[in-house]
Protein backbone atom coordinates (compact mmCIF):
# COMPACT_ATOMS: atom_id res chain seq x y z
CA MET A 1 0.00 0.00 0.00
CA ASN A 2 1.45 3.39 -0.97
CA ILE A 3 1.73 6.23 1.53
CA ASN A 4 -1.25 8.12 0.09
CA GLU A 5 -3.51 5.11 0.66
CA ARG A 6 -2.18 4.75 4.18
CA LEU A 7 -2.90 8.44 4.89
CA LYS A 8 -6.44 8.00 3.59
CA ASN A 9 -7.01 5.17 6.10
CA ILE A 10 -5.84 7.09 9.18
CA LYS A 11 -8.40 7.06 11.99
CA LEU A 12 -6.19 8.25 14.86
CA ILE A 13 -3.34 10.76 15.08
CA VAL A 14 -1.26 10.82 18.27
CA SER A 15 1.18 13.69 18.65
CA ASP A 16 3.90 14.59 21.10
CA LEU A 17 3.63 18.15 22.41
CA ASP A 18 6.89 19.91 23.24
CA GLY A 19 9.24 20.07 20.28
CA THR A 20 6.62 18.58 17.96
CA LEU A 21 3.10 20.03 18.03
CA LEU A 22 4.14 23.11 20.01
CA PRO A 23 6.76 25.68 18.98
CA ASP A 24 9.40 26.69 21.51
CA SER A 25 7.15 29.58 22.58
CA GLY A 26 4.54 27.06 23.75
CA GLU A 27 1.72 28.70 21.77
CA ILE A 28 -0.21 26.51 19.34
CA GLY A 29 0.11 27.78 15.77
CA VAL A 30 -3.01 29.10 14.02
CA GLU A 31 -2.64 26.72 11.06
CA THR A 32 -2.07 23.76 13.39
CA LYS A 33 -5.23 24.56 15.34
CA ASN A 34 -7.31 24.96 12.17
CA LEU A 35 -6.07 21.70 10.66
CA VAL A 36 -6.63 19.70 13.87
CA SER A 37 -10.22 20.99 13.81
CA GLN A 38 -10.64 19.96 10.18
CA LEU A 39 -9.18 16.52 10.84
CA GLN A 40 -11.66 15.97 13.65
CA ASP A 41 -14.49 17.14 11.39
CA CYS A 42 -13.36 14.44 8.94
CA GLY A 43 -13.70 11.79 11.64
CA VAL A 44 -10.02 11.53 12.60
CA ILE A 45 -9.50 11.20 16.35
CA PHE A 46 -6.70 13.46 17.58
CA ALA A 47 -4.82 12.61 20.77
CA ILE A 48 -1.75 13.75 22.71
CA ALA A 49 1.12 11.66 24.10
CA THR A 50 3.39 13.69 26.35
CA GLY A 51 5.90 13.57 29.18
CA ARG A 52 3.90 16.28 30.93
CA LEU A 53 1.54 15.71 33.82
CA HIS A 54 -2.13 15.37 32.89
CA SER A 55 -2.95 18.68 34.60
CA ALA A 56 -0.38 20.42 32.36
CA VAL A 57 -2.17 19.28 29.21
CA THR A 58 -5.84 20.03 29.89
CA GLY A 59 -5.63 23.66 28.72
CA ILE A 60 -4.02 22.65 25.43
CA ALA A 61 -6.59 19.89 24.88
CA GLU A 62 -9.39 22.40 25.48
CA ASP A 63 -7.79 24.89 23.08
CA LEU A 64 -7.71 22.20 20.38
CA SER A 65 -11.21 20.92 21.29
CA ILE A 66 -9.76 17.44 21.80
CA LYS A 67 -12.20 15.01 23.37
CA SER A 68 -10.05 11.88 23.23
CA PRO A 69 -8.05 10.68 26.26
CA VAL A 70 -4.55 12.06 26.81
CA ILE A 71 -1.47 9.86 27.29
CA SER A 72 0.51 11.68 29.98
CA LEU A 73 3.78 11.18 31.88
CA ASP A 74 5.10 9.09 29.00
CA GLY A 75 2.33 6.50 29.30
CA SER A 76 1.93 6.38 33.09
CA MET A 77 -1.63 7.64 32.76
CA ILE A 78 -4.32 7.73 30.08
CA LYS A 79 -7.16 9.98 31.14
CA SER A 80 -9.99 11.96 29.57
CA THR A 81 -9.76 15.75 29.73
CA THR A 82 -13.55 16.07 29.50
CA ASP A 83 -15.09 13.76 32.11
CA GLY A 84 -11.95 12.66 33.99
CA SER A 85 -12.45 8.96 33.22
CA ARG A 86 -9.27 6.90 33.32
CA ILE A 87 -8.27 4.19 30.89
CA TYR A 88 -4.96 3.41 32.56
CA GLU A 89 -2.84 4.55 35.51
CA SER A 90 0.44 3.16 36.81
CA PHE A 91 1.48 4.19 40.31
CA VAL A 92 4.95 3.78 41.80
CA LYS A 93 4.87 1.11 44.48
CA LYS A 94 4.67 2.60 47.96
CA LYS A 95 7.82 0.80 49.08
CA HIS A 96 9.78 2.48 46.26
CA VAL A 97 8.37 5.92 47.09
CA LYS A 98 9.32 5.45 50.76
CA ARG A 99 12.77 4.24 49.75
CA ALA A 100 13.35 7.31 47.60
CA LEU A 101 12.18 9.60 50.42
CA ARG A 102 14.60 7.91 52.82
CA PHE A 103 17.54 8.26 50.42
CA ALA A 104 16.67 11.92 49.81
CA GLU A 105 16.71 12.64 53.53
CA GLU A 106 19.92 10.71 54.18
CA HIS A 107 21.82 12.36 51.32
CA LEU A 108 20.23 15.84 51.51
CA ILE A 109 18.74 15.51 48.03
CA ASN A 110 15.63 17.39 46.92
CA ILE A 111 12.57 15.27 46.17
CA VAL A 112 9.01 15.83 44.94
CA LEU A 113 6.05 13.52 44.27
CA CYS A 114 4.12 13.83 41.01
CA HIS A 115 0.41 13.03 40.92
CA ASP A 116 -1.87 13.59 37.94
CA GLU A 117 -3.27 16.83 39.34
CA ALA A 118 -0.08 18.43 40.74
CA ILE A 119 3.53 18.10 41.85
CA TYR A 120 3.74 18.07 45.63
CA TYR A 121 6.72 19.52 47.46
CA THR A 122 7.64 20.40 51.05
CA ASP A 123 9.29 23.54 52.34
CA ARG A 124 12.71 21.86 52.17
CA ASN A 125 12.16 21.29 48.44
CA SER A 126 10.65 24.71 47.68
CA ASN A 127 13.14 25.47 44.88
CA MET A 128 11.62 22.73 42.68
CA PRO A 129 9.20 24.99 40.77
CA MET A 130 12.13 27.26 39.86
CA LEU A 131 14.43 24.43 38.75
CA SER A 132 11.94 22.08 37.17
CA ASP A 133 11.83 21.23 33.48
CA LYS A 134 8.19 20.04 33.89
CA TYR A 135 6.40 22.29 31.41
CA GLY A 136 3.10 23.69 32.61
CA ALA A 137 2.91 21.61 35.78
CA LYS A 138 0.95 22.78 38.82
CA TYR A 139 2.82 22.83 42.12
CA LYS A 140 1.39 22.50 45.62
CA GLU A 141 3.33 22.89 48.85
CA VAL A 142 2.48 20.41 51.62
CA THR A 143 3.74 20.09 55.19
CA SER A 144 4.57 16.39 54.79
CA TYR A 145 4.64 13.70 52.11
CA ASP A 146 2.90 11.17 54.37
CA ASN A 147 -0.52 11.65 52.79
CA TYR A 148 0.83 11.70 49.21
CA ILE A 149 2.75 8.43 48.99
CA ASP A 150 -0.29 6.69 47.52
CA ARG A 151 -1.16 7.42 43.89
CA THR A 152 2.31 8.73 43.04
CA LEU A 153 2.90 8.47 39.29
CA GLU A 154 6.48 9.67 39.41
CA VAL A 155 9.13 10.48 42.01
CA VAL A 156 11.62 13.17 41.03
CA LEU A 157 14.91 13.68 42.88
CA PHE A 158 17.27 16.51 41.99
CA SER A 159 20.53 17.96 43.30
CA ASP A 160 23.84 19.52 42.32
CA ALA A 161 25.63 16.82 44.36
CA ALA A 162 26.58 14.51 41.48
CA SER A 163 28.05 11.70 43.58
CA SER A 164 24.98 11.49 45.82
CA MET A 165 22.67 11.47 42.82
CA ARG A 166 24.64 8.65 41.18
CA TYR A 167 24.53 6.67 44.43
CA VAL A 168 20.73 6.94 44.62
CA ARG A 169 20.39 6.18 40.90
CA ASP A 170 22.35 2.95 41.35
CA ARG A 171 19.99 1.93 44.17
CA PHE A 172 17.10 1.97 41.69
CA LEU A 173 18.77 0.06 38.88
CA PHE A 174 17.65 -3.48 37.99
CA PRO A 175 17.67 -5.90 39.76
CA ILE A 176 17.96 -3.93 43.02
CA SER A 177 14.58 -2.27 42.58
CA ILE A 178 12.54 -4.55 40.36
CA GLY A 179 9.43 -2.83 39.04
CA CYS A 180 11.02 0.60 38.65
CA SER A 181 11.84 2.52 35.50
CA ILE A 182 14.33 5.36 35.90
CA SER A 183 15.55 8.31 33.89
CA PHE A 184 18.74 10.16 34.91
CA TYR A 185 19.66 13.40 33.16
CA LYS A 186 21.12 16.89 33.45
CA SER A 187 18.83 19.91 33.59
CA ASN A 188 18.42 21.86 30.35
CA ARG A 189 18.29 25.11 32.28
CA ARG A 190 21.05 24.44 34.82
CA PRO A 191 23.57 21.79 33.69
CA ASN A 192 24.99 21.50 37.21
CA ILE A 193 21.66 20.06 38.41
CA SER A 194 20.98 16.34 37.91
CA PHE A 195 17.48 14.84 37.89
CA LEU A 196 16.42 11.28 38.67
CA GLU A 197 12.87 10.32 37.68
CA ILE A 198 11.41 7.10 39.05
CA ARG A 199 8.28 5.52 37.60
CA ARG A 200 6.73 2.11 37.67
CA SER A 201 8.13 -0.05 34.88
CA GLY A 202 6.04 -0.97 31.87
CA SER A 203 4.77 2.50 31.02
CA THR A 204 5.95 4.17 27.80
CA LYS A 205 4.31 6.27 25.12
CA GLY A 206 4.31 3.21 22.88
CA LYS A 207 2.50 1.11 25.49
CA GLY A 208 0.13 4.02 26.01
CA LEU A 209 -0.64 4.05 22.29
CA GLU A 210 -1.36 0.30 22.35
CA ARG A 211 -3.76 0.77 25.27
CA LEU A 212 -5.48 3.72 23.60
CA LEU A 213 -5.86 1.82 20.31
CA LYS A 214 -7.42 -1.10 22.15
CA HIS A 215 -9.80 1.25 23.98
CA LEU A 216 -10.83 2.95 20.71
CA LYS A 217 -10.90 -0.36 18.79
CA ILE A 218 -8.57 0.96 16.09
CA LYS A 219 -5.88 -1.08 14.33
CA PRO A 220 -2.27 0.15 14.75
CA ASN A 221 -1.81 0.58 10.96
CA HIS A 222 -4.75 2.99 10.95
CA ALA A 223 -2.90 5.36 13.30
CA ALA A 224 -0.16 7.96 12.85
CA VAL A 225 2.31 9.20 15.45
CA LEU A 226 4.40 12.38 15.52
CA GLY A 227 7.50 12.99 17.62
CA ASP A 228 10.92 14.52 17.96
CA TRP A 229 12.71 13.21 21.07
CA TYR A 230 14.07 10.10 22.81
CA ASN A 231 10.86 9.48 24.78
CA ASP A 232 9.03 9.22 21.44
CA ILE A 233 11.09 6.23 20.25
CA SER A 234 8.60 3.71 21.68
CA LEU A 235 5.86 5.35 19.57
CA PHE A 236 8.05 4.83 16.52
CA GLU A 237 8.43 1.12 17.29
CA THR A 238 4.72 0.51 16.58
CA ASP A 239 2.95 -0.24 13.28
CA ALA A 240 1.56 3.30 13.04
CA ILE A 241 2.67 5.75 10.35
CA LYS A 242 5.68 7.45 11.90
CA VAL A 243 6.21 11.18 11.35
CA ALA A 244 9.30 13.07 12.52
CA VAL A 245 9.41 16.86 12.49
CA ALA A 246 12.49 18.48 10.94
CA ASN A 247 14.03 19.25 14.35
CA ALA A 248 13.78 15.64 15.55
CA ILE A 249 16.82 13.74 16.80
CA PRO A 250 18.58 11.52 14.21
CA GLU A 251 17.28 8.31 15.83
CA ILE A 252 13.67 9.41 15.33
CA LYS A 253 14.30 10.52 11.75
CA ARG A 254 15.84 7.15 10.89
CA MET A 255 12.74 5.35 12.19
CA ALA A 256 10.27 7.69 10.46
CA ASP A 257 8.15 6.98 7.41
CA ILE A 258 7.83 10.74 6.85
CA VAL A 259 10.10 13.64 7.87
CA THR A 260 8.53 17.08 7.58
CA SER A 261 10.44 19.86 5.84
CA LYS A 262 9.58 22.26 8.69
CA SER A 263 10.49 22.19 12.37
CA ASN A 264 8.16 22.59 15.34
CA ASN A 265 8.76 26.36 15.10
CA GLY A 266 7.53 26.29 11.48
CA GLU A 267 4.44 24.19 12.29
CA GLY A 268 5.96 21.04 10.84
CA ALA A 269 3.11 18.95 12.28
CA ALA A 270 0.62 21.05 10.29
CA GLU A 271 2.49 20.09 7.12
CA PHE A 272 1.63 16.44 7.80
CA PHE A 273 -1.95 17.21 8.84
CA LEU A 274 -2.54 18.97 5.52
CA ASN A 275 -1.32 15.92 3.61
CA VAL A 276 -3.71 13.68 5.55
CA LEU A 277 -6.62 15.99 4.74
CA LYS A 278 -5.69 16.07 1.04
CA ALA A 279 -5.52 12.26 0.92
CA LYS A 280 -8.91 11.92 2.57
CA ARG A 281 -10.54 14.47 0.25
CA ASP A 282 -9.13 13.03 -3.00
């Protein structure tokens, strides 16, 4: 089947947000918004798959008039932005949350707990909102973490003490902490700050797409995915049509069926949306 026929058969489009659908300014482009509306009028379901918290996506979903569930925190939750119904949620085991809290206290490392509605922090960790790379997240200060250990989707530790951060990271590597998935990286804003994100294993954007497709009763080859970054690789390992924007990392471009000529700042996603509409109207 040629690419035009595949575009004509698309029933679901799932797009990453930051670096893909959104320009660096964070404002949705006018053409992008118009085309998403036209796609939905043509019966194409439009969804978002993001590393953001669910609460950091609801405004964007409303702006785009999206009624489909959102895949948030890289697949840790799939939840409707309209009625709040949940298709999937994956909480960090309480024993792992408590373990992270203990390590943070022992090594004087900052720590916060991410739930779908907000990121919770204590007074000792009050610099998190300033240092965080969590776009659009809501923050709430609490006196203690005791009442927030349950329903934690992600634990985030951060510090400029590199040796302490590496020590804690190693305590959450397989097989020491079975059931955990970790991400260890330097801050984009402050390279001297290291972050360690702990989630329950088995949640990725790709798994989120599989769960959403099953919920919507759509075949993988009738879907398209758009991305630009490392956390989008699992989306590109599915049978969906894979679209990389021009600013995507080389790994994503190599896996893509289509690479747009424009970047996220030039509404590269809109370039693909227009081609889908043309194929459906031919």
